[in-house]
């Protein structure tokens, strides 16, 4: 024998409302919990069902003294349904108005865009211009490294690095002279240490190489010179 299906929440709400409508009286929660099982609603779920009806304004509750009473009349449900209907009707009218406004905007945007030979020609010209623009944009990207601003920034960075390198070179020479003056007996050990550190006889200040003008570099690239 199959197990009997329990009531859904909506079915439980209808059963509790039927208790209110049949009696048209006021109830304490414990009275509803006693009457609920007679309608198929277990007493443990009556409290939540009644509260859901109160939340949706389908039932009312009020505290009188120390007791809380619940009630619902058919007229209350009718008023609630009428209120919902008015809200939906208002939303429908607003949606219809918005729909009409959007149609008007769409029609306005279509003006001047009717299919014609002039429009087709203009669109073709626009497409050609866009393609040319993209080609030029890609071509310019190839010469990004030769941008004058980037070139000047790189030149400035090289100058700063050159000055810093020679400043440290000068510091090394000063330190080397100081060690020679103060530790003459350790000349051989110092020389070995210099060699290990890469400070050989070829160690010297850096010279600034002549910078090739940017225009000259660009001209060579355009002409295809190596």
N, C-alpha and C. Protein backbone atom coordinates (compact mmCIF):
# COMPACT_ATOMS: atom_id res chain seq x y z
N UNK A 1 0.85 -1.19 0.00
CA UNK A 1 0.00 0.00 0.00
C UNK A 1 0.88 1.23 0.00
N UNK A 2 0.63 2.15 -0.93
CA UNK A 2 1.47 3.34 -1.03
C UNK A 2 1.22 4.30 0.12
N UNK A 3 2.28 5.00 0.47
CA UNK A 3 2.20 5.95 1.58
C UNK A 3 1.45 7.20 1.14
N UNK A 4 0.56 7.71 1.96
CA UNK A 4 -0.25 8.90 1.62
C UNK A 4 0.63 10.13 1.53
N UNK A 5 0.45 10.87 0.44
CA UNK A 5 1.26 12.08 0.23
C UNK A 5 0.84 13.18 1.20
N UNK A 6 1.85 13.87 1.77
CA UNK A 6 1.57 14.98 2.66
C UNK A 6 1.10 16.21 1.90
N UNK A 7 0.47 17.14 2.61
CA UNK A 7 -0.02 18.36 1.99
C UNK A 7 1.13 19.32 1.69
N UNK A 8 0.99 20.03 0.58
CA UNK A 8 1.97 21.08 0.28
C UNK A 8 1.68 22.29 1.15
N UNK A 9 2.60 23.24 1.16
CA UNK A 9 2.40 24.45 1.97
C UNK A 9 1.15 25.20 1.53
N UNK A 10 0.93 25.30 0.22
CA UNK A 10 -0.25 26.03 -0.27
C UNK A 10 -1.53 25.31 0.15
N UNK A 11 -1.51 23.99 0.11
CA UNK A 11 -2.69 23.23 0.54
C UNK A 11 -2.94 23.41 2.03
N UNK A 12 -1.86 23.45 2.82
CA UNK A 12 -2.01 23.68 4.26
C UNK A 12 -2.59 25.06 4.53
N UNK A 13 -2.16 26.06 3.75
CA UNK A 13 -2.68 27.42 3.93
C UNK A 13 -4.19 27.45 3.63
N UNK A 14 -4.60 26.74 2.58
CA UNK A 14 -6.01 26.71 2.24
C UNK A 14 -6.83 26.04 3.35
N UNK A 15 -6.28 24.99 3.94
CA UNK A 15 -6.98 24.29 5.00
C UNK A 15 -7.16 25.19 6.24
N UNK A 16 -6.11 25.91 6.61
CA UNK A 16 -6.20 26.80 7.78
C UNK A 16 -7.15 27.95 7.49
N UNK A 17 -7.10 28.50 6.28
CA UNK A 17 -8.04 29.56 5.91
C UNK A 17 -9.48 29.07 5.99
N UNK A 18 -9.69 27.80 5.59
CA UNK A 18 -11.03 27.24 5.64
C UNK A 18 -11.54 27.18 7.08
N UNK A 19 -10.63 26.91 8.04
CA UNK A 19 -11.02 26.91 9.46
C UNK A 19 -11.52 28.29 9.86
N UNK A 20 -10.77 29.32 9.43
CA UNK A 20 -11.17 30.70 9.75
C UNK A 20 -12.52 31.02 9.11
N UNK A 21 -12.68 30.69 7.81
CA UNK A 21 -13.88 31.09 7.07
C UNK A 21 -15.12 30.37 7.59
N UNK A 22 -14.95 29.10 7.92
CA UNK A 22 -16.11 28.33 8.39
C UNK A 22 -16.64 28.85 9.72
N UNK A 23 -15.74 29.25 10.61
CA UNK A 23 -16.16 29.69 11.95
C UNK A 23 -16.35 31.21 12.04
N UNK A 24 -15.59 31.93 11.21
CA UNK A 24 -15.57 33.40 11.28
C UNK A 24 -15.42 33.86 12.73
N UNK A 25 -14.44 33.23 13.39
CA UNK A 25 -14.21 33.49 14.81
C UNK A 25 -12.73 33.80 15.03
N UNK A 26 -12.38 34.10 16.28
CA UNK A 26 -11.00 34.39 16.68
C UNK A 26 -10.42 33.15 17.34
N UNK A 27 -9.14 32.90 17.08
CA UNK A 27 -8.50 31.68 17.58
C UNK A 27 -7.18 32.01 18.26
N UNK A 28 -6.90 31.25 19.33
CA UNK A 28 -5.55 31.21 19.89
C UNK A 28 -4.75 30.20 19.07
N UNK A 29 -3.43 30.33 19.12
CA UNK A 29 -2.59 29.42 18.35
C UNK A 29 -2.82 27.97 18.76
N UNK A 30 -2.96 27.73 20.06
CA UNK A 30 -3.13 26.35 20.52
C UNK A 30 -4.46 25.77 20.03
N UNK A 31 -5.46 26.66 19.83
CA UNK A 31 -6.74 26.18 19.30
C UNK A 31 -6.59 25.78 17.83
N UNK A 32 -5.82 26.56 17.09
CA UNK A 32 -5.57 26.22 15.68
C UNK A 32 -4.75 24.95 15.57
N UNK A 33 -3.80 24.76 16.49
CA UNK A 33 -2.98 23.55 16.48
C UNK A 33 -3.84 22.32 16.80
N UNK A 34 -4.94 22.54 17.50
CA UNK A 34 -5.85 21.45 17.81
C UNK A 34 -6.80 21.17 16.63
N UNK A 35 -7.19 22.26 15.93
CA UNK A 35 -8.13 22.11 14.81
C UNK A 35 -7.43 21.69 13.52
N UNK A 36 -6.15 22.03 13.39
CA UNK A 36 -5.42 21.74 12.16
C UNK A 36 -5.42 20.29 11.75
N UNK A 37 -5.10 19.35 12.64
CA UNK A 37 -5.08 17.94 12.27
C UNK A 37 -6.41 17.44 11.71
N UNK A 38 -7.51 18.06 12.13
CA UNK A 38 -8.83 17.64 11.62
C UNK A 38 -8.97 17.96 10.13
N UNK A 39 -8.16 18.94 9.67
CA UNK A 39 -8.17 19.31 8.26
C UNK A 39 -6.98 18.70 7.49
N UNK A 40 -6.19 17.89 8.22
CA UNK A 40 -5.04 17.26 7.57
C UNK A 40 -3.73 18.00 7.75
N UNK A 41 -3.73 19.05 8.61
CA UNK A 41 -2.51 19.82 8.86
C UNK A 41 -1.98 19.43 10.23
N UNK A 42 -0.80 18.83 10.27
CA UNK A 42 -0.26 18.39 11.56
C UNK A 42 -0.02 19.60 12.47
N UNK A 43 -0.18 19.39 13.75
CA UNK A 43 -0.10 20.50 14.71
C UNK A 43 1.27 21.17 14.72
N UNK A 44 2.35 20.41 14.42
CA UNK A 44 3.70 20.98 14.46
C UNK A 44 3.92 22.03 13.37
N UNK A 45 3.14 21.96 12.29
CA UNK A 45 3.34 22.90 11.18
C UNK A 45 2.33 24.04 11.18
N UNK A 46 1.36 23.99 12.07
CA UNK A 46 0.30 25.02 12.10
C UNK A 46 0.88 26.41 12.33
N UNK A 47 1.80 26.54 13.27
CA UNK A 47 2.36 27.86 13.61
C UNK A 47 2.99 28.52 12.39
N UNK A 48 3.83 27.78 11.63
CA UNK A 48 4.48 28.35 10.45
C UNK A 48 3.48 28.68 9.36
N UNK A 49 2.46 27.85 9.20
CA UNK A 49 1.45 28.10 8.17
C UNK A 49 0.67 29.36 8.50
N UNK A 50 0.25 29.50 9.75
CA UNK A 50 -0.50 30.69 10.17
C UNK A 50 0.36 31.95 10.00
N UNK A 51 1.63 31.86 10.36
CA UNK A 51 2.51 33.03 10.23
C UNK A 51 2.66 33.42 8.77
N UNK A 52 2.72 32.44 7.85
CA UNK A 52 2.84 32.76 6.43
C UNK A 52 1.59 33.48 5.93
N UNK A 53 0.42 33.10 6.47
CA UNK A 53 -0.82 33.78 6.10
C UNK A 53 -0.83 35.22 6.60
N UNK A 54 -0.31 35.42 7.81
CA UNK A 54 -0.21 36.78 8.38
C UNK A 54 0.76 37.62 7.56
N UNK A 55 1.90 37.02 7.17
CA UNK A 55 2.90 37.76 6.38
C UNK A 55 2.33 38.21 5.04
N UNK A 56 1.43 37.41 4.46
CA UNK A 56 0.84 37.74 3.16
C UNK A 56 -0.47 38.51 3.30
N UNK A 57 -0.79 38.96 4.54
CA UNK A 57 -2.01 39.72 4.81
C UNK A 57 -3.28 38.95 4.50
N UNK A 58 -3.21 37.64 4.54
CA UNK A 58 -4.40 36.82 4.35
C UNK A 58 -5.03 36.47 5.69
N UNK A 59 -4.32 36.73 6.77
CA UNK A 59 -4.84 36.53 8.12
C UNK A 59 -4.30 37.67 9.00
N UNK A 60 -5.01 37.92 10.08
CA UNK A 60 -4.62 39.00 10.99
C UNK A 60 -4.36 38.42 12.38
N UNK A 61 -3.56 39.16 13.15
CA UNK A 61 -3.33 38.75 14.53
C UNK A 61 -3.24 39.99 15.40
N UNK A 62 -3.60 39.82 16.66
CA UNK A 62 -3.55 40.95 17.58
C UNK A 62 -3.42 40.41 19.00
N UNK A 63 -2.73 41.18 19.82
CA UNK A 63 -2.54 40.77 21.20
C UNK A 63 -3.58 41.45 22.07
N UNK A 64 -4.32 40.65 22.77
CA UNK A 64 -5.33 41.17 23.68
C UNK A 64 -4.99 40.66 25.06
N UNK A 65 -4.57 41.58 25.92
CA UNK A 65 -4.09 41.17 27.23
C UNK A 65 -2.78 40.42 27.08
N UNK A 66 -2.76 39.21 27.55
CA UNK A 66 -1.56 38.38 27.45
C UNK A 66 -1.68 37.34 26.33
N UNK A 67 -2.80 37.35 25.63
CA UNK A 67 -3.05 36.33 24.61
C UNK A 67 -2.98 36.95 23.21
N UNK A 68 -2.55 36.13 22.25
CA UNK A 68 -2.48 36.55 20.85
C UNK A 68 -3.55 35.80 20.08
N UNK A 69 -4.41 36.56 19.39
CA UNK A 69 -5.52 35.98 18.65
C UNK A 69 -5.28 36.12 17.15
N UNK A 70 -5.76 35.11 16.42
CA UNK A 70 -5.67 35.11 14.96
C UNK A 70 -7.07 35.02 14.39
N UNK A 71 -7.26 35.65 13.23
CA UNK A 71 -8.54 35.55 12.54
C UNK A 71 -8.37 35.92 11.07
N UNK A 72 -9.35 35.47 10.30
CA UNK A 72 -9.37 35.82 8.88
C UNK A 72 -10.80 35.66 8.38
N UNK A 73 -11.33 36.68 7.72
CA UNK A 73 -12.68 36.66 7.17
C UNK A 73 -12.60 36.63 5.65
N UNK A 74 -13.58 36.05 5.00
CA UNK A 74 -13.57 36.03 3.53
C UNK A 74 -13.40 37.42 2.92
N UNK A 75 -13.96 38.42 3.60
CA UNK A 75 -13.85 39.79 3.08
C UNK A 75 -12.39 40.26 3.12
N UNK A 76 -11.62 39.80 4.11
CA UNK A 76 -10.19 40.17 4.20
C UNK A 76 -9.44 39.63 3.00
N UNK A 77 -9.73 38.38 2.66
CA UNK A 77 -9.06 37.79 1.50
C UNK A 77 -9.46 38.51 0.23
N UNK A 78 -10.75 38.90 0.15
CA UNK A 78 -11.21 39.64 -1.02
C UNK A 78 -10.51 40.97 -1.16
N UNK A 79 -10.35 41.65 -0.03
CA UNK A 79 -9.65 42.94 -0.05
C UNK A 79 -8.20 42.78 -0.49
N UNK A 80 -7.59 41.70 -0.01
CA UNK A 80 -6.20 41.44 -0.37
C UNK A 80 -6.07 41.16 -1.86
N UNK A 81 -6.98 40.35 -2.40
CA UNK A 81 -6.95 40.04 -3.82
C UNK A 81 -7.19 41.29 -4.66
N UNK A 82 -8.10 42.14 -4.21
CA UNK A 82 -8.36 43.38 -4.95
C UNK A 82 -7.14 44.30 -4.93
N UNK A 83 -6.44 44.31 -3.78
CA UNK A 83 -5.22 45.13 -3.68
C UNK A 83 -4.14 44.61 -4.63
N UNK A 84 -3.99 43.27 -4.68
CA UNK A 84 -3.02 42.67 -5.59
C UNK A 84 -3.40 42.97 -7.04
N UNK A 85 -4.71 42.89 -7.33
CA UNK A 85 -5.17 43.15 -8.70
C UNK A 85 -4.86 44.59 -9.11
N UNK A 86 -5.10 45.54 -8.20
CA UNK A 86 -4.82 46.95 -8.51
C UNK A 86 -3.32 47.16 -8.76
N UNK A 87 -2.49 46.48 -7.96
CA UNK A 87 -1.03 46.60 -8.14
C UNK A 87 -0.60 46.03 -9.49
N UNK A 88 -1.14 44.88 -9.83
CA UNK A 88 -0.79 44.27 -11.12
C UNK A 88 -1.30 45.12 -12.28
N UNK A 89 -2.49 45.68 -12.13
CA UNK A 89 -3.04 46.53 -13.18
C UNK A 89 -2.19 47.77 -13.38
N UNK A 90 -1.71 48.34 -12.27
CA UNK A 90 -0.84 49.52 -12.35
C UNK A 90 0.47 49.18 -13.04
N UNK A 91 1.04 48.02 -12.67
CA UNK A 91 2.29 47.59 -13.30
C UNK A 91 2.10 47.33 -14.79
N UNK A 92 0.95 46.78 -15.14
CA UNK A 92 0.67 46.50 -16.55
C UNK A 92 0.58 47.79 -17.35
N UNK A 93 -0.10 48.79 -16.80
CA UNK A 93 -0.22 50.07 -17.50
C UNK A 93 1.15 50.74 -17.66
N UNK A 94 1.98 50.64 -16.62
CA UNK A 94 3.34 51.22 -16.70
C UNK A 94 4.16 50.50 -17.76
N UNK A 95 4.00 49.18 -17.84
CA UNK A 95 4.74 48.41 -18.84
C UNK A 95 4.28 48.76 -20.26
N UNK A 96 2.97 48.93 -20.42
CA UNK A 96 2.44 49.31 -21.73
C UNK A 96 2.96 50.68 -22.16
N UNK A 97 3.00 51.61 -21.20
CA UNK A 97 3.50 52.96 -21.50
C UNK A 97 4.97 52.91 -21.89
N UNK A 98 5.76 52.12 -21.14
CA UNK A 98 7.19 52.00 -21.44
C UNK A 98 7.39 51.34 -22.80
N UNK A 99 6.56 50.36 -23.12
CA UNK A 99 6.65 49.67 -24.40
C UNK A 99 6.38 50.65 -25.55
N UNK A 100 5.36 51.50 -25.37
CA UNK A 100 5.04 52.48 -26.40
C UNK A 100 6.18 53.48 -26.58
N UNK A 101 6.81 53.88 -25.46
CA UNK A 101 7.94 54.82 -25.53
C UNK A 101 9.11 54.20 -26.29
N UNK A 102 9.37 52.92 -26.04
CA UNK A 102 10.47 52.24 -26.72
C UNK A 102 10.20 52.09 -28.22
N UNK A 103 8.95 51.85 -28.58
CA UNK A 103 8.60 51.77 -30.00
C UNK A 103 8.83 53.11 -30.69
N UNK A 104 8.42 54.20 -29.98
CA UNK A 104 8.63 55.53 -30.54
C UNK A 104 10.12 55.82 -30.71
N UNK A 105 10.93 55.43 -29.73
CA UNK A 105 12.37 55.65 -29.82
C UNK A 105 12.97 54.83 -30.97
N UNK A 106 12.48 53.61 -31.13
CA UNK A 106 12.98 52.75 -32.21
C UNK A 106 12.64 53.36 -33.57
N UNK A 107 11.41 53.86 -33.70
CA UNK A 107 11.00 54.49 -34.96
C UNK A 107 11.83 55.73 -35.24
N UNK A 108 12.13 56.49 -34.19
CA UNK A 108 12.92 57.72 -34.35
C UNK A 108 14.34 57.38 -34.81
N UNK A 109 14.91 56.31 -34.23
CA UNK A 109 16.26 55.91 -34.61
C UNK A 109 16.34 55.38 -36.03
N UNK A 110 15.22 54.86 -36.54
CA UNK A 110 15.21 54.32 -37.89
C UNK A 110 15.18 55.41 -38.96
N UNK A 111 14.80 56.62 -38.54
CA UNK A 111 14.73 57.71 -39.52
C UNK A 111 16.13 57.99 -40.08
N UNK A 112 16.23 58.10 -41.38
CA UNK A 112 17.51 58.35 -42.02
C UNK A 112 18.32 57.09 -42.24
N UNK A 113 17.78 55.94 -41.77
CA UNK A 113 18.48 54.67 -41.95
C UNK A 113 17.71 53.72 -42.86
N UNK A 114 16.76 54.27 -43.59
CA UNK A 114 16.00 53.45 -44.52
C UNK A 114 16.94 52.91 -45.60
N UNK A 115 16.62 51.70 -46.07
CA UNK A 115 17.43 51.10 -47.11
C UNK A 115 17.35 51.93 -48.39
N UNK A 116 18.52 52.30 -48.94
CA UNK A 116 18.58 53.07 -50.18
C UNK A 116 19.97 52.91 -50.77
N UNK A 117 20.12 53.31 -52.03
CA UNK A 117 21.42 53.22 -52.68
C UNK A 117 22.44 54.11 -51.98
N UNK A 118 21.97 55.31 -51.54
CA UNK A 118 22.89 56.24 -50.87
C UNK A 118 23.39 55.65 -49.56
N UNK A 119 22.49 54.98 -48.83
CA UNK A 119 22.88 54.39 -47.55
C UNK A 119 23.88 53.26 -47.76
N UNK A 120 23.61 52.40 -48.77
CA UNK A 120 24.51 51.29 -49.06
C UNK A 120 25.90 51.80 -49.44
N UNK A 121 25.92 52.89 -50.25
CA UNK A 121 27.20 53.47 -50.66
C UNK A 121 27.95 54.04 -49.46
N UNK A 122 27.21 54.74 -48.59
CA UNK A 122 27.84 55.33 -47.40
C UNK A 122 28.40 54.25 -46.47
N UNK A 123 27.66 53.15 -46.31
CA UNK A 123 28.12 52.06 -45.46
C UNK A 123 29.37 51.40 -46.04
N UNK A 124 29.40 51.27 -47.37
CA UNK A 124 30.57 50.68 -48.01
C UNK A 124 31.79 51.57 -47.82
N UNK A 125 31.59 52.90 -47.96
CA UNK A 125 32.69 53.83 -47.76
C UNK A 125 33.18 53.79 -46.32
N UNK A 126 32.23 53.69 -45.39
CA UNK A 126 32.60 53.63 -43.97
C UNK A 126 33.42 52.38 -43.69
N UNK A 127 33.03 51.25 -44.26
CA UNK A 127 33.77 50.01 -44.06
C UNK A 127 35.18 50.12 -44.62
N UNK A 128 35.30 50.78 -45.78
CA UNK A 128 36.62 50.96 -46.39
C UNK A 128 37.52 51.83 -45.52
N UNK A 129 36.93 52.91 -44.98
CA UNK A 129 37.69 53.80 -44.09
C UNK A 129 38.14 53.07 -42.84
N UNK A 130 37.25 52.24 -42.28
CA UNK A 130 37.60 51.48 -41.07
C UNK A 130 38.74 50.51 -41.35
N UNK A 131 38.69 49.85 -42.50
CA UNK A 131 39.76 48.92 -42.86
C UNK A 131 41.09 49.66 -43.03
N UNK A 132 41.04 50.83 -43.67
CA UNK A 132 42.25 51.62 -43.86
C UNK A 132 42.81 52.09 -42.52
N UNK A 133 41.90 52.48 -41.64
CA UNK A 133 42.32 52.93 -40.31
C UNK A 133 43.02 51.80 -39.56
N UNK A 134 42.47 50.59 -39.63
CA UNK A 134 43.08 49.45 -38.93
C UNK A 134 44.44 49.11 -39.53
N UNK A 135 44.55 49.23 -40.86
CA UNK A 135 45.84 48.98 -41.50
C UNK A 135 46.90 49.98 -41.04
N UNK A 136 46.51 51.26 -40.99
CA UNK A 136 47.45 52.29 -40.55
C UNK A 136 47.81 52.11 -39.08
N UNK A 137 46.82 51.69 -38.29
CA UNK A 137 47.07 51.46 -36.87
C UNK A 137 48.09 50.34 -36.68
N UNK A 138 47.92 49.26 -37.46
CA UNK A 138 48.88 48.14 -37.38
C UNK A 138 50.27 48.59 -37.85
N UNK A 139 50.31 49.42 -38.89
CA UNK A 139 51.58 49.90 -39.41
C UNK A 139 52.30 50.77 -38.38
N UNK A 140 51.54 51.62 -37.71
CA UNK A 140 52.14 52.47 -36.67
C UNK A 140 52.68 51.64 -35.52
N UNK A 141 52.00 50.50 -35.24
CA UNK A 141 52.47 49.65 -34.16
C UNK A 141 53.85 49.08 -34.42
N UNK A 142 54.19 48.90 -35.71
CA UNK A 142 55.51 48.37 -36.06
C UNK A 142 56.63 49.35 -35.70
N UNK A 143 56.30 50.65 -35.66
CA UNK A 143 57.31 51.67 -35.39
C UNK A 143 57.19 52.25 -33.98
N UNK A 144 56.51 51.48 -33.10
CA UNK A 144 56.31 51.97 -31.73
C UNK A 144 57.65 52.20 -31.03
N UNK A 145 58.64 51.35 -31.38
CA UNK A 145 59.95 51.48 -30.73
C UNK A 145 60.68 52.74 -31.16
N UNK A 146 60.25 53.35 -32.26
CA UNK A 146 60.89 54.56 -32.76
C UNK A 146 60.10 55.82 -32.44
N UNK A 147 59.18 55.67 -31.49
CA UNK A 147 58.40 56.83 -31.07
C UNK A 147 59.34 57.86 -30.44
N UNK A 148 59.29 59.15 -30.88
CA UNK A 148 60.20 60.18 -30.36
C UNK A 148 60.19 60.28 -28.84
N UNK A 149 59.01 60.22 -28.24
CA UNK A 149 58.93 60.33 -26.78
C UNK A 149 59.64 59.15 -26.11
N UNK A 150 59.39 57.94 -26.65
CA UNK A 150 60.05 56.76 -26.08
C UNK A 150 61.56 56.82 -26.29
N UNK A 151 61.96 57.32 -27.46
CA UNK A 151 63.40 57.45 -27.76
C UNK A 151 64.08 58.41 -26.78
N UNK A 152 63.44 59.55 -26.53
CA UNK A 152 64.02 60.53 -25.61
C UNK A 152 64.08 59.99 -24.18
N UNK A 153 63.05 59.24 -23.79
CA UNK A 153 63.05 58.65 -22.45
C UNK A 153 64.18 57.63 -22.31
N UNK A 154 64.38 56.83 -23.36
CA UNK A 154 65.47 55.84 -23.33
C UNK A 154 66.83 56.54 -23.29
N UNK A 155 66.95 57.63 -24.05
CA UNK A 155 68.21 58.39 -24.06
C UNK A 155 68.51 58.95 -22.68
N UNK A 156 67.47 59.48 -22.03
CA UNK A 156 67.64 60.04 -20.69
C UNK A 156 68.05 58.95 -19.70
N UNK A 157 67.42 57.76 -19.82
CA UNK A 157 67.75 56.66 -18.92
C UNK A 157 69.19 56.21 -19.10
N UNK A 158 69.65 56.21 -20.35
CA UNK A 158 71.05 55.82 -20.62
C UNK A 158 72.01 56.82 -19.99
N UNK A 159 71.68 58.10 -20.08
CA UNK A 159 72.54 59.13 -19.49
C UNK A 159 72.62 58.97 -17.97
N UNK A 160 71.48 58.71 -17.35
CA UNK A 160 71.46 58.53 -15.89
C UNK A 160 72.29 57.31 -15.50
N UNK A 161 72.12 56.19 -16.25
CA UNK A 161 72.86 54.97 -15.95
C UNK A 161 74.36 55.19 -16.15
N UNK A 162 74.74 55.95 -17.17
CA UNK A 162 76.15 56.23 -17.45
C UNK A 162 76.79 57.01 -16.31
N UNK A 163 76.08 58.05 -15.83
CA UNK A 163 76.60 58.86 -14.73
C UNK A 163 76.75 58.01 -13.48
N UNK A 164 75.74 57.15 -13.21
CA UNK A 164 75.78 56.31 -12.01
C UNK A 164 76.94 55.31 -12.09
N UNK A 165 77.14 54.72 -13.28
CA UNK A 165 78.22 53.73 -13.44
C UNK A 165 79.60 54.38 -13.21
N UNK A 166 79.80 55.56 -13.76
CA UNK A 166 81.09 56.24 -13.59
C UNK A 166 81.29 56.73 -12.16
N UNK A 167 80.18 57.04 -11.50
CA UNK A 167 80.30 57.47 -10.10
C UNK A 167 80.78 56.29 -9.25
N UNK A 168 80.25 55.09 -9.51
CA UNK A 168 80.71 53.92 -8.77
C UNK A 168 82.13 53.53 -9.16
N UNK A 169 82.47 53.74 -10.42
CA UNK A 169 83.84 53.49 -10.85
C UNK A 169 84.81 54.39 -10.10
N UNK A 170 84.42 55.66 -9.95
CA UNK A 170 85.24 56.61 -9.21
C UNK A 170 85.38 56.18 -7.75
N UNK A 171 84.29 55.68 -7.18
CA UNK A 171 84.33 55.22 -5.78
C UNK A 171 85.29 54.02 -5.64
N UNK A 172 85.27 53.14 -6.64
CA UNK A 172 86.16 51.96 -6.59
C UNK A 172 87.62 52.38 -6.67
N UNK A 173 87.93 53.31 -7.57
CA UNK A 173 89.30 53.79 -7.67
C UNK A 173 89.75 54.46 -6.37
N UNK A 174 88.83 55.22 -5.74
CA UNK A 174 89.17 55.89 -4.48
C UNK A 174 89.44 54.86 -3.40
N UNK A 175 88.58 53.84 -3.32
CA UNK A 175 88.76 52.79 -2.31
C UNK A 175 90.06 52.02 -2.57
N UNK A 176 90.35 51.76 -3.84
CA UNK A 176 91.57 51.02 -4.19
C UNK A 176 92.81 51.81 -3.77
N UNK A 177 92.79 53.13 -3.99
CA UNK A 177 93.93 53.96 -3.60
C UNK A 177 94.08 54.00 -2.09
N UNK A 178 92.95 54.06 -1.40
CA UNK A 178 92.99 54.10 0.08
C UNK A 178 93.60 52.80 0.63
N UNK A 179 93.20 51.66 0.05
CA UNK A 179 93.74 50.38 0.51
C UNK A 179 95.25 50.29 0.25
N UNK A 180 95.67 50.80 -0.89
CA UNK A 180 97.11 50.75 -1.21
C UNK A 180 97.91 51.62 -0.26
N UNK A 181 97.36 52.78 0.12
CA UNK A 181 98.06 53.69 1.03
C UNK A 181 98.11 53.16 2.45
N UNK A 182 97.07 52.48 2.87
CA UNK A 182 96.99 52.06 4.27
C UNK A 182 97.45 50.63 4.50
N UNK A 183 97.51 49.83 3.43
CA UNK A 183 97.96 48.44 3.60
C UNK A 183 98.99 48.09 2.52
N UNK A 184 100.11 48.78 2.49
CA UNK A 184 101.11 48.50 1.44
C UNK A 184 101.67 47.10 1.54
N UNK A 185 101.72 46.55 2.76
CA UNK A 185 102.28 45.22 2.93
C UNK A 185 101.35 44.14 2.37
N UNK A 186 100.08 44.49 2.07
CA UNK A 186 99.13 43.50 1.57
C UNK A 186 98.85 43.72 0.09
N UNK A 187 99.83 44.30 -0.62
CA UNK A 187 99.62 44.62 -2.03
C UNK A 187 99.24 43.40 -2.86
N UNK A 188 99.92 42.29 -2.63
CA UNK A 188 99.66 41.09 -3.43
C UNK A 188 98.27 40.53 -3.16
N UNK A 189 97.90 40.50 -1.87
CA UNK A 189 96.58 40.00 -1.50
C UNK A 189 95.47 40.90 -2.09
N UNK A 190 95.74 42.23 -2.06
CA UNK A 190 94.74 43.16 -2.62
C UNK A 190 94.57 42.97 -4.12
N UNK A 191 95.69 42.75 -4.81
CA UNK A 191 95.62 42.55 -6.25
C UNK A 191 94.81 41.30 -6.60
N UNK A 192 95.02 40.23 -5.81
CA UNK A 192 94.25 39.00 -6.03
C UNK A 192 92.76 39.23 -5.81
N UNK A 193 92.49 40.03 -4.78
CA UNK A 193 91.08 40.33 -4.47
C UNK A 193 90.45 41.14 -5.60
N UNK A 194 91.22 42.11 -6.15
CA UNK A 194 90.71 42.93 -7.27
C UNK A 194 90.41 42.04 -8.48
N UNK A 195 91.33 41.10 -8.74
CA UNK A 195 91.15 40.22 -9.88
C UNK A 195 89.88 39.37 -9.74
N UNK A 196 89.68 38.84 -8.53
CA UNK A 196 88.50 38.02 -8.28
C UNK A 196 87.22 38.83 -8.43
N UNK A 197 87.29 40.11 -8.10
CA UNK A 197 86.11 40.99 -8.20
C UNK A 197 85.93 41.55 -9.60
N UNK A 198 86.83 41.22 -10.53
CA UNK A 198 86.72 41.70 -11.89
C UNK A 198 87.34 43.06 -12.12
N UNK A 199 88.08 43.57 -11.13
CA UNK A 199 88.74 44.87 -11.27
C UNK A 199 90.14 44.64 -11.82
N UNK A 200 90.24 44.59 -13.14
CA UNK A 200 91.52 44.33 -13.80
C UNK A 200 92.13 45.63 -14.30
N UNK A 201 93.23 45.51 -15.02
CA UNK A 201 93.89 46.71 -15.57
C UNK A 201 93.01 47.38 -16.63
N UNK A 202 92.08 46.62 -17.22
CA UNK A 202 91.21 47.18 -18.24
C UNK A 202 90.01 47.92 -17.65
N UNK A 203 89.85 47.79 -16.34
CA UNK A 203 88.73 48.46 -15.67
C UNK A 203 88.90 49.97 -15.75
N UNK A 204 87.88 50.69 -16.29
CA UNK A 204 88.03 52.14 -16.47
C UNK A 204 86.63 52.77 -16.56
N UNK A 205 86.64 54.07 -16.67
CA UNK A 205 85.38 54.81 -16.81
C UNK A 205 84.73 54.49 -18.16
N UNK A 206 83.39 54.54 -18.18
CA UNK A 206 82.66 54.31 -19.42
C UNK A 206 82.65 55.59 -20.26
N UNK A 207 82.72 55.40 -21.56
CA UNK A 207 82.63 56.54 -22.46
C UNK A 207 81.23 56.58 -23.08
N UNK A 208 80.76 57.79 -23.35
CA UNK A 208 79.44 57.95 -23.96
C UNK A 208 79.58 57.79 -25.46
N UNK A 209 78.82 56.84 -26.03
CA UNK A 209 78.83 56.65 -27.46
C UNK A 209 77.95 57.69 -28.14
N UNK A 210 78.31 58.13 -29.33
CA UNK A 210 77.48 59.11 -30.02
C UNK A 210 76.11 58.54 -30.33
N UNK A 211 75.07 59.36 -30.11
CA UNK A 211 73.69 58.93 -30.34
C UNK A 211 73.29 59.25 -31.77
N UNK A 212 72.79 58.26 -32.48
CA UNK A 212 72.34 58.47 -33.86
C UNK A 212 71.00 59.18 -33.83
N UNK A 213 70.81 60.26 -34.53
CA UNK A 213 69.53 60.98 -34.54
C UNK A 213 68.40 60.05 -34.95
N UNK A 214 67.23 60.25 -34.32
CA UNK A 214 66.07 59.40 -34.59
C UNK A 214 65.64 59.51 -36.04
N UNK A 215 65.67 60.70 -36.60
CA UNK A 215 65.24 60.88 -37.99
C UNK A 215 66.09 60.04 -38.94
N UNK A 216 67.38 59.97 -38.62
CA UNK A 216 68.29 59.22 -39.47
C UNK A 216 67.99 57.73 -39.42
N UNK A 217 67.66 57.24 -38.20
CA UNK A 217 67.32 55.83 -38.03
C UNK A 217 66.04 55.50 -38.78
N UNK A 218 65.04 56.40 -38.66
CA UNK A 218 63.75 56.17 -39.31
C UNK A 218 63.90 56.15 -40.82
N UNK A 219 64.71 57.08 -41.34
CA UNK A 219 64.92 57.15 -42.79
C UNK A 219 65.56 55.86 -43.31
N UNK A 220 66.51 55.33 -42.53
CA UNK A 220 67.18 54.11 -42.95
C UNK A 220 66.21 52.93 -42.98
N UNK A 221 65.31 52.89 -42.00
CA UNK A 221 64.33 51.80 -41.94
C UNK A 221 63.37 51.88 -43.10
N UNK A 222 62.93 53.11 -43.42
CA UNK A 222 62.00 53.29 -44.52
C UNK A 222 62.63 52.96 -45.87
N UNK A 223 63.94 53.28 -46.00
CA UNK A 223 64.65 53.03 -47.26
C UNK A 223 65.11 51.59 -47.38
N UNK A 224 65.03 50.85 -46.25
CA UNK A 224 65.47 49.46 -46.28
C UNK A 224 66.93 49.27 -46.16
N UNK A 225 67.69 50.31 -45.69
CA UNK A 225 69.12 50.18 -45.51
C UNK A 225 69.42 49.29 -44.33
N UNK A 226 70.51 48.56 -44.33
CA UNK A 226 70.86 47.69 -43.19
C UNK A 226 71.31 48.53 -42.01
